[in-house]
Amino acid sequence: GPSLGLSVREIDPDFAARFKLPQGTQGVIVSRVEPMSPAFDADIERGHVVLEVNRHQVHSVDEYRRLTAAARPGDVLTLYLYQPEIEQRALHTVKIE
């Protein structure tokens, strides 16, 4: 797939409880961000929850991969993230290298 420089995993009950995710939160957890990658440049951090990619809801890792697979170098993806450490949602734009 495209090089966003991030890895994601499914939300599990332990993560949801530990970070007090709002009830019914659906998305995928950022498990790794490569240093100096497009995701790193967009201030995406480990532990953020990807809720949407380009206004399409993300319910699973497979869906995340499907939504990002068509991206090509030069494209810009808008990720809607939940940041559990500050209990805030925010849009982050990632330019594909």
N, C-alpha and C. Protein backbone atom coordinates (compact mmCIF):
# COMPACT_ATOMS: atom_id res chain seq x y z
N GLY A 1 0.82 -1.21 0.00
CA GLY A 1 0.00 0.00 0.00
C GLY A 1 0.85 1.25 0.00
N PRO A 2 0.22 2.39 0.13
CA PRO A 2 0.95 3.65 0.12
C PRO A 2 1.79 3.81 1.39
N SER A 3 2.81 4.61 1.29
CA SER A 3 3.67 4.80 2.45
C SER A 3 3.20 5.98 3.31
N LEU A 4 2.23 5.70 4.19
CA LEU A 4 1.81 6.72 5.15
C LEU A 4 2.78 6.72 6.32
N GLY A 5 3.40 5.57 6.55
CA GLY A 5 4.32 5.45 7.67
C GLY A 5 3.62 5.15 8.98
N LEU A 6 2.45 4.51 8.89
CA LEU A 6 1.82 4.11 10.15
C LEU A 6 1.22 2.72 10.04
N SER A 7 1.19 2.05 11.18
CA SER A 7 0.58 0.73 11.30
C SER A 7 -0.63 0.87 12.21
N VAL A 8 -1.67 0.07 11.92
CA VAL A 8 -2.88 0.13 12.72
C VAL A 8 -3.28 -1.26 13.18
N ARG A 9 -4.09 -1.31 14.25
CA ARG A 9 -4.64 -2.57 14.74
C ARG A 9 -6.06 -2.33 15.21
N GLU A 10 -6.79 -3.43 15.40
CA GLU A 10 -8.18 -3.32 15.84
C GLU A 10 -8.25 -2.76 17.27
N ILE A 11 -9.37 -2.11 17.58
CA ILE A 11 -9.62 -1.67 18.95
C ILE A 11 -10.02 -2.91 19.75
N ASP A 12 -9.35 -3.11 20.89
CA ASP A 12 -9.72 -4.24 21.76
C ASP A 12 -10.30 -3.68 23.06
N PRO A 13 -11.03 -4.51 23.80
CA PRO A 13 -11.68 -4.02 25.04
C PRO A 13 -10.70 -3.43 26.05
N ASP A 14 -9.48 -3.99 26.14
CA ASP A 14 -8.49 -3.46 27.09
C ASP A 14 -8.12 -2.02 26.74
N PHE A 15 -7.85 -1.77 25.45
CA PHE A 15 -7.49 -0.42 25.01
C PHE A 15 -8.64 0.54 25.26
N ALA A 16 -9.86 0.11 24.88
CA ALA A 16 -11.04 0.96 25.05
C ALA A 16 -11.23 1.34 26.52
N ALA A 17 -11.02 0.39 27.43
CA ALA A 17 -11.18 0.66 28.86
C ALA A 17 -10.05 1.54 29.39
N ARG A 18 -8.81 1.21 29.01
CA ARG A 18 -7.65 1.94 29.53
C ARG A 18 -7.70 3.42 29.13
N PHE A 19 -8.11 3.67 27.89
CA PHE A 19 -8.12 5.05 27.40
C PHE A 19 -9.50 5.69 27.46
N LYS A 20 -10.45 4.98 28.14
CA LYS A 20 -11.80 5.51 28.35
C LYS A 20 -12.40 6.04 27.05
N LEU A 21 -12.34 5.19 26.01
CA LEU A 21 -12.92 5.60 24.73
C LEU A 21 -14.42 5.80 24.90
N PRO A 22 -14.98 6.82 24.23
CA PRO A 22 -16.44 6.99 24.28
C PRO A 22 -17.14 5.71 23.83
N GLN A 23 -18.24 5.38 24.49
CA GLN A 23 -19.00 4.17 24.17
C GLN A 23 -19.29 4.11 22.68
N GLY A 24 -19.05 2.95 22.07
CA GLY A 24 -19.37 2.77 20.67
C GLY A 24 -18.35 3.32 19.69
N THR A 25 -17.19 3.76 20.18
CA THR A 25 -16.15 4.27 19.27
C THR A 25 -15.74 3.16 18.31
N GLN A 26 -15.77 3.48 17.01
CA GLN A 26 -15.34 2.53 15.99
C GLN A 26 -14.18 3.13 15.22
N GLY A 27 -13.20 2.32 14.92
CA GLY A 27 -12.04 2.77 14.19
C GLY A 27 -10.91 1.78 14.37
N VAL A 28 -9.69 2.23 14.10
CA VAL A 28 -8.51 1.41 14.32
C VAL A 28 -7.48 2.23 15.09
N ILE A 29 -6.67 1.53 15.88
CA ILE A 29 -5.67 2.18 16.72
C ILE A 29 -4.36 2.29 15.95
N VAL A 30 -3.73 3.46 16.02
CA VAL A 30 -2.39 3.61 15.45
C VAL A 30 -1.42 2.90 16.40
N SER A 31 -0.78 1.83 15.91
CA SER A 31 0.12 1.04 16.75
C SER A 31 1.59 1.43 16.56
N ARG A 32 1.89 2.06 15.41
CA ARG A 32 3.27 2.47 15.16
C ARG A 32 3.28 3.60 14.14
N VAL A 33 4.17 4.57 14.36
CA VAL A 33 4.39 5.65 13.40
C VAL A 33 5.89 5.68 13.08
N GLU A 34 6.21 5.55 11.81
CA GLU A 34 7.61 5.58 11.38
C GLU A 34 8.17 6.99 11.53
N PRO A 35 9.37 7.13 12.09
CA PRO A 35 9.99 8.46 12.17
C PRO A 35 10.15 9.06 10.78
N MET A 36 9.94 10.34 10.66
CA MET A 36 10.14 11.10 9.43
C MET A 36 9.21 10.66 8.29
N SER A 37 8.08 10.05 8.61
CA SER A 37 7.12 9.61 7.61
C SER A 37 6.03 10.66 7.43
N PRO A 38 5.18 10.52 6.40
CA PRO A 38 4.06 11.45 6.24
C PRO A 38 3.16 11.50 7.49
N ALA A 39 2.91 10.35 8.11
CA ALA A 39 2.08 10.33 9.33
C ALA A 39 2.77 11.08 10.47
N PHE A 40 4.08 10.90 10.59
CA PHE A 40 4.87 11.60 11.61
C PHE A 40 4.78 13.11 11.38
N ASP A 41 4.94 13.53 10.12
CA ASP A 41 4.87 14.95 9.77
C ASP A 41 3.49 15.53 10.06
N ALA A 42 2.45 14.69 10.03
CA ALA A 42 1.08 15.14 10.28
C ALA A 42 0.72 15.10 11.77
N ASP A 43 1.73 14.86 12.63
CA ASP A 43 1.52 14.81 14.09
C ASP A 43 0.59 13.69 14.53
N ILE A 44 0.58 12.60 13.79
CA ILE A 44 -0.18 11.43 14.20
C ILE A 44 0.71 10.62 15.14
N GLU A 45 0.13 10.17 16.25
CA GLU A 45 0.92 9.49 17.27
C GLU A 45 0.35 8.12 17.58
N ARG A 46 1.20 7.27 18.11
CA ARG A 46 0.79 5.95 18.58
C ARG A 46 -0.33 6.14 19.62
N GLY A 47 -1.37 5.34 19.50
CA GLY A 47 -2.49 5.44 20.44
C GLY A 47 -3.65 6.27 19.93
N HIS A 48 -3.43 7.05 18.87
CA HIS A 48 -4.55 7.76 18.27
C HIS A 48 -5.48 6.73 17.62
N VAL A 49 -6.76 7.07 17.50
CA VAL A 49 -7.73 6.18 16.87
C VAL A 49 -8.18 6.81 15.55
N VAL A 50 -7.97 6.08 14.45
CA VAL A 50 -8.42 6.55 13.13
C VAL A 50 -9.91 6.24 13.02
N LEU A 51 -10.73 7.29 12.95
CA LEU A 51 -12.18 7.13 12.85
C LEU A 51 -12.64 7.13 11.39
N GLU A 52 -12.00 7.98 10.57
CA GLU A 52 -12.39 8.12 9.16
C GLU A 52 -11.16 8.38 8.30
N VAL A 53 -11.25 7.95 7.04
CA VAL A 53 -10.27 8.29 6.01
C VAL A 53 -11.06 8.94 4.88
N ASN A 54 -10.74 10.19 4.58
CA ASN A 54 -11.45 10.94 3.53
C ASN A 54 -12.97 10.83 3.68
N ARG A 55 -13.46 11.04 4.89
CA ARG A 55 -14.89 11.05 5.22
C ARG A 55 -15.58 9.70 5.11
N HIS A 56 -14.81 8.62 5.02
CA HIS A 56 -15.38 7.27 5.04
C HIS A 56 -15.05 6.65 6.39
N GLN A 57 -16.08 6.19 7.10
CA GLN A 57 -15.84 5.61 8.42
C GLN A 57 -14.98 4.36 8.31
N VAL A 58 -14.14 4.16 9.32
CA VAL A 58 -13.26 3.00 9.40
C VAL A 58 -13.76 2.12 10.54
N HIS A 59 -14.11 0.87 10.22
CA HIS A 59 -14.60 -0.06 11.25
C HIS A 59 -13.62 -1.19 11.53
N SER A 60 -12.63 -1.37 10.65
CA SER A 60 -11.69 -2.49 10.80
C SER A 60 -10.37 -2.17 10.10
N VAL A 61 -9.37 -2.98 10.40
CA VAL A 61 -8.07 -2.84 9.74
C VAL A 61 -8.23 -3.07 8.24
N ASP A 62 -9.02 -4.07 7.86
CA ASP A 62 -9.24 -4.34 6.43
C ASP A 62 -9.84 -3.13 5.72
N GLU A 63 -10.81 -2.50 6.38
CA GLU A 63 -11.45 -1.33 5.78
C GLU A 63 -10.46 -0.17 5.68
N TYR A 64 -9.64 0.03 6.71
CA TYR A 64 -8.59 1.06 6.67
C TYR A 64 -7.68 0.81 5.47
N ARG A 65 -7.25 -0.43 5.30
CA ARG A 65 -6.34 -0.76 4.19
C ARG A 65 -7.00 -0.50 2.85
N ARG A 66 -8.29 -0.86 2.74
CA ARG A 66 -9.02 -0.66 1.49
C ARG A 66 -9.11 0.85 1.18
N LEU A 67 -9.37 1.66 2.21
CA LEU A 67 -9.54 3.11 2.00
C LEU A 67 -8.23 3.81 1.67
N THR A 68 -7.11 3.24 2.11
CA THR A 68 -5.82 3.89 1.85
C THR A 68 -5.08 3.28 0.66
N ALA A 69 -5.53 2.12 0.18
CA ALA A 69 -4.80 1.39 -0.85
C ALA A 69 -4.73 2.13 -2.18
N ALA A 70 -5.74 2.92 -2.49
CA ALA A 70 -5.77 3.60 -3.79
C ALA A 70 -4.93 4.87 -3.82
N ALA A 71 -4.41 5.29 -2.69
CA ALA A 71 -3.64 6.53 -2.64
C ALA A 71 -2.33 6.38 -3.40
N ARG A 72 -1.97 7.44 -4.10
CA ARG A 72 -0.74 7.46 -4.91
C ARG A 72 0.16 8.60 -4.43
N PRO A 73 1.46 8.52 -4.74
CA PRO A 73 2.35 9.63 -4.36
C PRO A 73 1.80 10.98 -4.81
N GLY A 74 1.81 11.94 -3.91
CA GLY A 74 1.28 13.26 -4.20
C GLY A 74 -0.15 13.45 -3.70
N ASP A 75 -0.88 12.33 -3.47
CA ASP A 75 -2.23 12.44 -2.93
C ASP A 75 -2.21 12.94 -1.50
N VAL A 76 -3.31 13.54 -1.10
CA VAL A 76 -3.46 13.98 0.29
C VAL A 76 -4.67 13.25 0.88
N LEU A 77 -4.45 12.56 2.00
CA LEU A 77 -5.53 11.88 2.70
C LEU A 77 -5.88 12.70 3.94
N THR A 78 -7.17 12.80 4.22
CA THR A 78 -7.61 13.46 5.45
C THR A 78 -8.05 12.37 6.42
N LEU A 79 -7.35 12.29 7.55
CA LEU A 79 -7.69 11.32 8.57
C LEU A 79 -8.40 12.04 9.72
N TYR A 80 -9.54 11.52 10.12
CA TYR A 80 -10.27 12.04 11.28
C TYR A 80 -9.89 11.15 12.45
N LEU A 81 -9.23 11.74 13.44
CA LEU A 81 -8.66 10.97 14.55
C LEU A 81 -9.28 11.34 15.87
N TYR A 82 -9.31 10.37 16.76
CA TYR A 82 -9.63 10.62 18.17
C TYR A 82 -8.33 10.49 18.94
N GLN A 83 -8.02 11.52 19.73
CA GLN A 83 -6.80 11.53 20.51
C GLN A 83 -7.18 11.29 21.97
N PRO A 84 -7.05 10.03 22.46
CA PRO A 84 -7.56 9.70 23.79
C PRO A 84 -6.88 10.47 24.92
N GLU A 85 -5.61 10.82 24.74
CA GLU A 85 -4.90 11.48 25.85
C GLU A 85 -5.47 12.87 26.16
N ILE A 86 -6.10 13.50 25.18
CA ILE A 86 -6.71 14.82 25.42
C ILE A 86 -8.21 14.81 25.15
N GLU A 87 -8.76 13.60 24.91
CA GLU A 87 -10.19 13.42 24.67
C GLU A 87 -10.70 14.38 23.59
N GLN A 88 -10.01 14.39 22.47
CA GLN A 88 -10.34 15.34 21.42
C GLN A 88 -10.29 14.66 20.06
N ARG A 89 -11.19 15.11 19.17
CA ARG A 89 -11.17 14.66 17.78
C ARG A 89 -10.53 15.76 16.93
N ALA A 90 -9.81 15.35 15.89
CA ALA A 90 -9.15 16.33 15.02
C ALA A 90 -8.92 15.74 13.64
N LEU A 91 -8.89 16.63 12.64
CA LEU A 91 -8.55 16.23 11.28
C LEU A 91 -7.05 16.41 11.08
N HIS A 92 -6.42 15.41 10.47
CA HIS A 92 -5.01 15.48 10.14
C HIS A 92 -4.87 15.16 8.66
N THR A 93 -4.14 15.97 7.92
CA THR A 93 -3.93 15.70 6.51
C THR A 93 -2.55 15.08 6.32
N VAL A 94 -2.51 14.02 5.52
CA VAL A 94 -1.28 13.28 5.27
C VAL A 94 -1.03 13.29 3.77
N LYS A 95 0.14 13.82 3.38
CA LYS A 95 0.52 13.83 1.96
C LYS A 95 1.38 12.60 1.68
N ILE A 96 0.94 11.80 0.71
CA ILE A 96 1.65 10.57 0.37
C ILE A 96 2.95 10.90 -0.36
N GLU A 97 4.02 10.24 0.04
CA GLU A 97 5.32 10.48 -0.59
C GLU A 97 5.48 9.64 -1.85
